[in-house]
Amino acid sequence: MKVYICNNCQNPLYFENSQCLKCSHPVGFDPVSLSMVTLTGKERYCKNAEYGVCNWLVPAAGEPSFCVACELNRVIPSLDSDQNKVRWKNMEVAKHRLIYSLLRLRLPFHVMRESLPLTLPRRTRRNVCVISRISGNGTGRCWGISVMKQDITIGMC
């Protein structure tokens, strides 16, 4: 994964950072520019940042509340258990890296939400990757992301 630089102090930033470790400025991942940026007020964290599982940014004004990656969530585990929180964070890290890779490689995709496709910006409909399901098996042991491209299904567990 790429190492980024803090806009304020030039300290290295890593993909999961939400704060610069040197100057303590809040930082987040901007999926439009595909870079880590210091928050300026034009953006805010995804709603899932309050649980410590996302550092991606959304526009400060209005919708959406969730970033491109967290918009894929249909169900999250019960947050009553610390073990579930850790598992959810691990799944979110893997999912965010997958979505980052799709964006970086400019692979077109759209999100299926309640059988209505939400097409993401700057994507074409040719050779579309459809992210159809992010779910668990109920035991808390296996969380999966299913990605389909045409008739090929790629699963992660």
Protein backbone atom coordinates (compact mmCIF):
# COMPACT_ATOMS: atom_id res chain seq x y z
CA MET A 1 0.00 0.00 0.00
CA LYS A 2 1.22 3.49 -0.83
CA VAL A 3 2.70 5.69 1.89
CA TYR A 4 1.28 9.22 1.85
CA ILE A 5 2.60 12.52 3.24
CA CYS A 6 0.89 14.85 5.73
CA ASN A 7 -0.02 18.15 4.03
CA ASN A 8 0.84 20.01 7.23
CA CYS A 9 4.18 18.61 8.43
CA GLN A 10 5.34 16.25 5.63
CA ASN A 11 5.34 13.25 8.00
CA PRO A 12 4.55 9.85 6.43
CA LEU A 13 0.89 8.78 6.61
CA TYR A 14 -0.45 5.29 6.17
CA PHE A 15 -3.73 4.23 4.58
CA GLU A 16 -5.53 3.59 7.88
CA ASN A 17 -4.34 6.79 9.65
CA SER A 18 -7.00 9.23 10.83
CA GLN A 19 -4.52 11.54 12.56
CA CYS A 20 -0.97 12.55 11.74
CA LEU A 21 1.30 10.97 14.34
CA LYS A 22 3.67 13.96 14.32
CA CYS A 23 1.48 17.10 14.22
CA SER A 24 -1.85 15.50 15.35
CA HIS A 25 -3.83 17.06 12.50
CA PRO A 26 -6.87 15.02 11.46
CA VAL A 27 -6.30 13.27 8.13
CA GLY A 28 -8.47 11.05 5.97
CA PHE A 29 -8.58 9.28 2.64
CA ASP A 30 -10.19 11.19 -0.22
CA PRO A 31 -11.59 8.63 -2.70
CA VAL A 32 -11.92 11.26 -5.44
CA SER A 33 -8.23 12.21 -5.49
CA LEU A 34 -7.11 8.78 -4.17
CA SER A 35 -4.91 10.43 -1.56
CA MET A 36 -4.64 11.11 2.15
CA VAL A 37 -5.46 14.72 2.95
CA THR A 38 -5.47 16.97 6.00
CA LEU A 39 -9.05 17.95 6.81
CA THR A 40 -9.83 21.52 5.75
CA GLY A 41 -13.54 21.82 6.49
CA LYS A 42 -14.66 21.05 2.92
CA GLU A 43 -14.93 17.40 3.88
CA ARG A 44 -15.86 15.29 6.87
CA TYR A 45 -15.37 11.71 7.94
CA CYS A 46 -17.71 8.93 6.92
CA LYS A 47 -20.35 8.20 9.55
CA ASN A 48 -18.60 4.91 10.44
CA ALA A 49 -15.58 6.90 11.71
CA GLU A 50 -17.44 7.28 15.01
CA TYR A 51 -16.87 3.52 15.51
CA GLY A 52 -13.20 3.75 14.51
CA VAL A 53 -13.60 1.58 11.41
CA CYS A 54 -13.35 4.17 8.60
CA ASN A 55 -11.16 7.16 7.79
CA TRP A 56 -12.58 7.94 4.34
CA LEU A 57 -13.97 11.37 3.60
CA VAL A 58 -17.29 12.60 2.24
CA PRO A 59 -18.29 16.17 1.28
CA ALA A 60 -19.04 18.34 4.33
CA ALA A 61 -22.32 19.60 2.91
CA GLY A 62 -25.34 17.30 2.77
CA GLU A 63 -25.43 13.69 1.68
CA PRO A 64 -23.98 11.10 1.64
CA SER A 65 -23.31 10.16 5.26
CA PHE A 66 -21.29 7.11 4.27
CA CYS A 67 -18.25 6.87 2.01
CA VAL A 68 -18.14 4.79 -1.16
CA ALA A 69 -16.77 1.78 0.72
CA CYS A 70 -19.11 1.93 3.73
CA GLU A 71 -22.13 2.42 1.48
CA LEU A 72 -21.69 -1.29 0.66
CA ASN A 73 -22.60 -2.37 4.20
CA ARG A 74 -26.04 -3.88 4.57
CA VAL A 75 -25.59 -5.30 8.07
CA ILE A 76 -22.92 -4.74 10.67
CA PRO A 77 -22.25 -7.05 13.63
CA SER A 78 -23.66 -6.38 17.06
CA LEU A 79 -21.45 -3.78 18.69
CA ASP A 80 -22.16 -5.11 22.20
CA SER A 81 -19.10 -7.35 21.93
CA ASP A 82 -15.52 -6.02 21.77
CA GLN A 83 -14.61 -9.09 19.72
CA ASN A 84 -17.25 -8.16 17.11
CA LYS A 85 -15.86 -4.61 16.94
CA VAL A 86 -12.37 -5.97 16.24
CA ARG A 87 -13.71 -8.36 13.59
CA TRP A 88 -15.74 -5.59 11.95
CA LYS A 89 -12.69 -3.31 11.86
CA ASN A 90 -10.60 -6.08 10.25
CA MET A 91 -13.29 -6.64 7.62
CA GLU A 92 -13.55 -2.91 6.95
CA VAL A 93 -9.77 -2.63 6.48
CA ALA A 94 -9.86 -5.43 3.88
CA LYS A 95 -12.94 -3.98 2.15
CA HIS A 96 -11.48 -0.46 2.01
CA ARG A 97 -8.30 -1.83 0.46
CA LEU A 98 -10.39 -3.71 -2.14
CA ILE A 99 -12.39 -0.60 -3.02
CA TYR A 100 -9.18 1.46 -3.13
CA SER A 101 -7.71 -1.05 -5.58
CA LEU A 102 -10.80 -0.94 -7.80
CA LEU A 103 -10.69 2.87 -7.82
CA ARG A 104 -6.93 3.03 -8.39
CA LEU A 105 -7.11 0.58 -11.28
CA ARG A 106 -10.09 2.53 -12.67
CA LEU A 107 -12.18 -0.61 -12.76
CA PRO A 108 -15.81 0.44 -13.19
CA PHE A 109 -18.24 -0.80 -10.57
CA HIS A 110 -21.54 0.04 -8.98
CA VAL A 111 -23.21 -0.79 -5.70
CA MET A 112 -26.36 -2.93 -5.57
CA ARG A 113 -28.54 -1.63 -2.76
CA GLU A 114 -31.94 -3.20 -2.16
CA SER A 115 -32.01 -4.24 -5.82
CA LEU A 116 -31.41 -0.65 -6.98
CA PRO A 117 -27.97 0.00 -8.50
CA LEU A 118 -26.16 3.08 -7.20
CA THR A 119 -23.70 3.91 -9.94
CA LEU A 120 -20.51 5.46 -8.68
CA PRO A 121 -19.11 8.60 -10.34
CA ARG A 122 -16.58 8.44 -13.20
CA ARG A 123 -17.47 4.87 -14.09
CA THR A 124 -18.70 3.40 -17.33
CA ARG A 125 -21.18 0.52 -17.64
CA ARG A 126 -18.86 -1.54 -19.83
CA ASN A 127 -17.32 -4.53 -17.97
CA VAL A 128 -18.88 -3.47 -14.70
CA CYS A 129 -17.87 -5.09 -11.41
CA VAL A 130 -20.95 -5.52 -9.23
CA ILE A 131 -20.43 -5.66 -5.51
CA SER A 132 -23.54 -7.49 -4.50
CA ARG A 133 -23.08 -8.71 -0.96
CA ILE A 134 -21.07 -8.04 2.13
CA SER A 135 -22.20 -10.31 4.89
CA GLY A 136 -21.24 -12.70 7.65
CA ASN A 137 -22.14 -16.28 8.41
CA GLY A 138 -23.71 -15.46 11.78
CA THR A 139 -20.96 -17.09 13.85
CA GLY A 140 -18.63 -14.11 13.73
CA ARG A 141 -15.87 -16.28 12.28
CA CYS A 142 -16.19 -15.44 8.61
CA TRP A 143 -17.06 -12.15 6.96
CA GLY A 144 -17.17 -12.11 3.22
CA ILE A 145 -17.20 -9.76 0.30
CA SER A 146 -18.62 -11.10 -2.93
CA VAL A 147 -17.63 -9.37 -6.12
CA MET A 148 -19.04 -10.39 -9.49
CA LYS A 149 -17.70 -9.41 -12.88
CA GLN A 150 -20.04 -10.60 -15.60
CA ASP A 151 -20.46 -14.30 -14.73
CA ILE A 152 -17.37 -14.69 -12.52
CA THR A 153 -17.81 -14.56 -8.75
CA ILE A 154 -14.83 -13.72 -6.58
CA GLY A 155 -15.30 -14.34 -2.87
CA MET A 156 -13.26 -13.34 0.13
CA CYS A 157 -13.60 -15.04 3.48
